Amino acid sequence: MKRNRLPEATHFPGMRLMEEKDVKVVCKLLRTYLEKFDLAPIYSEVEVRHWFLHKGDDETRVVWAYVVEVYSLLPSIMLTV
C-alpha cells in the first residue's frame, strides 16, 4: 500500500509520471522556482535525472515525480510543467 497515493482520476488533465524527455524542462522550472528563496540548492540536469527520475521497479521506487502536459492552441507546441 502506497502512502500519500493519488486517486486514479485527478483534476489535472495530462498528469503523468515524469519521463526522461521531461528532465530539461523540469530542471528549468525547478531552478526558476528555487530562485525566489535566499538559500536553495542548484540542480543540474544530471542531478534532476538522478533525484527525480526513477530507474527500476515500483517496489523500490521512493520518489514519484509527476508532470502535467499543457497543450497550447497550436498543435505543434507542447509545454511540460
N, C-alpha and C. Protein backbone atom coordinates (compact mmCIF):
# COMPACT_ATOMS: atom_id res chain seq x y z
N MET A 1 0.84 -1.18 0.00
CA MET A 1 0.00 0.00 0.00
C MET A 1 0.89 1.24 0.00
N LYS A 2 0.64 2.14 -0.92
CA LYS A 2 1.42 3.38 -1.01
C LYS A 2 0.90 4.39 -0.01
N ARG A 3 1.82 5.11 0.59
CA ARG A 3 1.44 6.23 1.45
C ARG A 3 1.22 7.44 0.56
N ASN A 4 0.28 8.26 0.91
CA ASN A 4 0.01 9.50 0.18
C ASN A 4 -0.20 9.27 -1.31
N ARG A 5 -0.84 8.20 -1.67
CA ARG A 5 -1.05 7.90 -3.07
C ARG A 5 -2.11 8.82 -3.66
N LEU A 6 -2.05 8.97 -4.96
CA LEU A 6 -3.00 9.80 -5.68
C LEU A 6 -4.22 8.97 -6.08
N PRO A 7 -5.36 9.63 -6.21
CA PRO A 7 -6.52 8.90 -6.71
C PRO A 7 -6.31 8.51 -8.16
N GLU A 8 -7.09 7.53 -8.63
CA GLU A 8 -6.97 7.08 -10.02
C GLU A 8 -7.28 8.21 -11.00
N ALA A 9 -8.27 9.02 -10.70
CA ALA A 9 -8.62 10.16 -11.56
C ALA A 9 -8.29 11.44 -10.81
N THR A 10 -7.63 12.37 -11.48
CA THR A 10 -7.27 13.64 -10.85
C THR A 10 -7.96 14.79 -11.57
N HIS A 11 -7.83 15.98 -11.01
CA HIS A 11 -8.39 17.18 -11.61
C HIS A 11 -7.41 17.83 -12.57
N PHE A 12 -6.29 17.18 -12.82
CA PHE A 12 -5.24 17.71 -13.70
C PHE A 12 -5.16 16.89 -14.98
N PRO A 13 -5.85 17.31 -16.03
CA PRO A 13 -5.73 16.57 -17.29
C PRO A 13 -4.28 16.62 -17.79
N GLY A 14 -3.78 15.52 -18.29
CA GLY A 14 -2.42 15.48 -18.81
C GLY A 14 -1.38 15.12 -17.77
N MET A 15 -1.79 14.81 -16.55
CA MET A 15 -0.83 14.46 -15.49
C MET A 15 -0.31 13.05 -15.70
N ARG A 16 1.02 12.90 -15.60
CA ARG A 16 1.64 11.59 -15.79
C ARG A 16 2.97 11.56 -15.05
N LEU A 17 3.53 10.36 -14.89
CA LEU A 17 4.84 10.24 -14.26
C LEU A 17 5.90 10.92 -15.12
N MET A 18 6.87 11.50 -14.49
CA MET A 18 7.97 12.15 -15.20
C MET A 18 8.75 11.12 -16.01
N GLU A 19 9.17 11.52 -17.20
CA GLU A 19 9.96 10.66 -18.08
C GLU A 19 11.26 11.36 -18.44
N GLU A 20 12.16 10.62 -19.06
CA GLU A 20 13.46 11.15 -19.48
C GLU A 20 13.31 12.42 -20.31
N LYS A 21 12.31 12.45 -21.20
CA LYS A 21 12.13 13.60 -22.08
C LYS A 21 11.75 14.87 -21.32
N ASP A 22 11.37 14.76 -20.05
CA ASP A 22 10.95 15.91 -19.24
C ASP A 22 12.08 16.55 -18.45
N VAL A 23 13.23 15.91 -18.39
CA VAL A 23 14.30 16.34 -17.49
C VAL A 23 14.71 17.80 -17.73
N LYS A 24 14.92 18.19 -18.97
CA LYS A 24 15.39 19.54 -19.27
C LYS A 24 14.39 20.60 -18.81
N VAL A 25 13.12 20.41 -19.11
CA VAL A 25 12.10 21.39 -18.74
C VAL A 25 11.87 21.39 -17.23
N VAL A 26 11.85 20.22 -16.61
CA VAL A 26 11.68 20.14 -15.16
C VAL A 26 12.84 20.86 -14.46
N CYS A 27 14.04 20.67 -14.95
CA CYS A 27 15.21 21.33 -14.37
C CYS A 27 15.06 22.85 -14.46
N LYS A 28 14.64 23.34 -15.60
CA LYS A 28 14.46 24.78 -15.78
C LYS A 28 13.37 25.33 -14.86
N LEU A 29 12.23 24.62 -14.78
CA LEU A 29 11.15 25.06 -13.89
C LEU A 29 11.56 25.02 -12.42
N LEU A 30 12.29 23.99 -12.03
CA LEU A 30 12.74 23.86 -10.65
C LEU A 30 13.71 24.99 -10.29
N ARG A 31 14.65 25.28 -11.18
CA ARG A 31 15.58 26.39 -10.94
C ARG A 31 14.84 27.71 -10.79
N THR A 32 13.89 27.97 -11.68
CA THR A 32 13.11 29.21 -11.63
C THR A 32 12.36 29.31 -10.31
N TYR A 33 11.75 28.23 -9.87
CA TYR A 33 11.02 28.23 -8.60
C TYR A 33 11.96 28.47 -7.43
N LEU A 34 13.10 27.78 -7.41
CA LEU A 34 14.02 27.88 -6.27
C LEU A 34 14.74 29.22 -6.19
N GLU A 35 14.79 29.97 -7.29
CA GLU A 35 15.46 31.28 -7.30
C GLU A 35 14.81 32.28 -6.36
N LYS A 36 13.57 32.09 -5.99
CA LYS A 36 12.90 33.06 -5.12
C LYS A 36 13.29 32.91 -3.66
N PHE A 37 14.04 31.87 -3.32
CA PHE A 37 14.48 31.65 -1.95
C PHE A 37 15.91 32.14 -1.77
N ASP A 38 16.23 32.64 -0.58
CA ASP A 38 17.58 33.12 -0.29
C ASP A 38 18.59 31.98 -0.25
N LEU A 39 18.17 30.84 0.20
CA LEU A 39 19.05 29.68 0.31
C LEU A 39 18.35 28.48 -0.30
N ALA A 40 18.89 27.97 -1.39
CA ALA A 40 18.26 26.84 -2.07
C ALA A 40 19.31 26.09 -2.88
N PRO A 41 19.12 24.79 -3.08
CA PRO A 41 20.06 24.04 -3.91
C PRO A 41 19.94 24.46 -5.38
N ILE A 42 21.01 24.26 -6.13
CA ILE A 42 21.01 24.50 -7.57
C ILE A 42 21.17 23.14 -8.23
N TYR A 43 20.15 22.68 -8.92
CA TYR A 43 20.16 21.36 -9.54
C TYR A 43 20.63 21.45 -10.99
N SER A 44 21.52 20.55 -11.36
CA SER A 44 21.90 20.39 -12.77
C SER A 44 20.92 19.37 -13.38
N GLU A 45 20.95 19.24 -14.70
CA GLU A 45 20.10 18.23 -15.34
C GLU A 45 20.47 16.83 -14.88
N VAL A 46 21.74 16.60 -14.64
CA VAL A 46 22.20 15.29 -14.15
C VAL A 46 21.59 15.01 -12.78
N GLU A 47 21.56 16.01 -11.91
CA GLU A 47 21.00 15.83 -10.57
C GLU A 47 19.49 15.65 -10.61
N VAL A 48 18.79 16.41 -11.46
CA VAL A 48 17.34 16.24 -11.60
C VAL A 48 17.05 14.82 -12.08
N ARG A 49 17.81 14.36 -13.05
CA ARG A 49 17.63 12.99 -13.56
C ARG A 49 17.84 11.97 -12.43
N HIS A 50 18.90 12.18 -11.64
CA HIS A 50 19.23 11.23 -10.57
C HIS A 50 18.17 11.23 -9.46
N TRP A 51 17.75 12.41 -9.00
CA TRP A 51 16.87 12.50 -7.85
C TRP A 51 15.39 12.31 -8.16
N PHE A 52 14.95 12.69 -9.36
CA PHE A 52 13.52 12.67 -9.65
C PHE A 52 13.09 11.64 -10.69
N LEU A 53 14.01 11.10 -11.46
CA LEU A 53 13.65 10.13 -12.49
C LEU A 53 14.02 8.74 -12.00
N HIS A 54 13.02 7.91 -11.77
CA HIS A 54 13.24 6.60 -11.16
C HIS A 54 13.75 5.58 -12.18
N LYS A 55 14.71 4.81 -11.76
CA LYS A 55 15.21 3.68 -12.54
C LYS A 55 14.91 2.42 -11.73
N GLY A 56 14.14 1.52 -12.27
CA GLY A 56 13.83 0.29 -11.55
C GLY A 56 12.34 0.05 -11.50
N ASP A 57 11.93 -0.80 -10.57
CA ASP A 57 10.51 -1.15 -10.50
C ASP A 57 9.81 -0.34 -9.41
N ASP A 58 8.49 -0.42 -9.37
CA ASP A 58 7.71 0.34 -8.39
C ASP A 58 7.93 -0.13 -6.96
N GLU A 59 8.41 -1.35 -6.77
CA GLU A 59 8.67 -1.86 -5.42
C GLU A 59 9.81 -1.08 -4.75
N THR A 60 10.80 -0.63 -5.54
CA THR A 60 11.95 0.07 -4.98
C THR A 60 11.84 1.58 -5.15
N ARG A 61 10.79 2.05 -5.78
CA ARG A 61 10.61 3.49 -6.01
C ARG A 61 10.43 4.22 -4.68
N VAL A 62 11.11 5.35 -4.55
CA VAL A 62 10.99 6.19 -3.36
C VAL A 62 10.29 7.50 -3.71
N VAL A 63 10.61 8.06 -4.86
CA VAL A 63 10.04 9.34 -5.28
C VAL A 63 9.19 9.12 -6.53
N TRP A 64 7.99 9.65 -6.50
CA TRP A 64 7.11 9.65 -7.67
C TRP A 64 7.03 11.10 -8.14
N ALA A 65 7.71 11.43 -9.22
CA ALA A 65 7.69 12.78 -9.76
C ALA A 65 6.71 12.82 -10.93
N TYR A 66 5.79 13.76 -10.89
CA TYR A 66 4.77 13.88 -11.92
C TYR A 66 4.92 15.19 -12.68
N VAL A 67 4.50 15.19 -13.92
CA VAL A 67 4.43 16.40 -14.73
C VAL A 67 3.01 16.50 -15.29
N VAL A 68 2.65 17.70 -15.68
CA VAL A 68 1.37 17.93 -16.35
C VAL A 68 1.68 18.51 -17.71
N GLU A 69 1.29 17.79 -18.75
CA GLU A 69 1.48 18.30 -20.11
C GLU A 69 0.37 19.28 -20.42
N VAL A 70 0.78 20.47 -20.87
CA VAL A 70 -0.18 21.50 -21.24
C VAL A 70 -0.02 21.76 -22.72
N TYR A 71 -1.08 21.54 -23.46
CA TYR A 71 -1.04 21.74 -24.91
C TYR A 71 -1.64 23.10 -25.24
N SER A 72 -0.93 23.86 -26.05
CA SER A 72 -1.44 25.16 -26.47
C SER A 72 -2.43 24.98 -27.60
N LEU A 73 -2.96 26.09 -28.10
CA LEU A 73 -3.89 26.04 -29.21
C LEU A 73 -3.20 25.59 -30.50
N LEU A 74 -1.89 25.77 -30.57
CA LEU A 74 -1.15 25.33 -31.73
C LEU A 74 -0.70 23.90 -31.47
N PRO A 75 -1.10 22.94 -32.29
CA PRO A 75 -0.79 21.54 -32.01
C PRO A 75 0.70 21.21 -32.03
N SER A 76 1.54 22.05 -32.63
CA SER A 76 2.96 21.74 -32.71
C SER A 76 3.73 22.16 -31.46
N ILE A 77 3.07 22.85 -30.53
CA ILE A 77 3.75 23.36 -29.33
C ILE A 77 3.25 22.61 -28.11
N MET A 78 4.17 22.05 -27.33
CA MET A 78 3.79 21.35 -26.11
C MET A 78 4.67 21.88 -24.97
N LEU A 79 4.04 22.25 -23.88
CA LEU A 79 4.76 22.70 -22.70
C LEU A 79 4.59 21.65 -21.61
N THR A 80 5.64 21.39 -20.85
CA THR A 80 5.55 20.48 -19.72
C THR A 80 5.83 21.28 -18.47
N VAL A 81 4.90 21.22 -17.52
CA VAL A 81 5.08 21.94 -16.25
C VAL A 81 4.90 21.01 -15.09
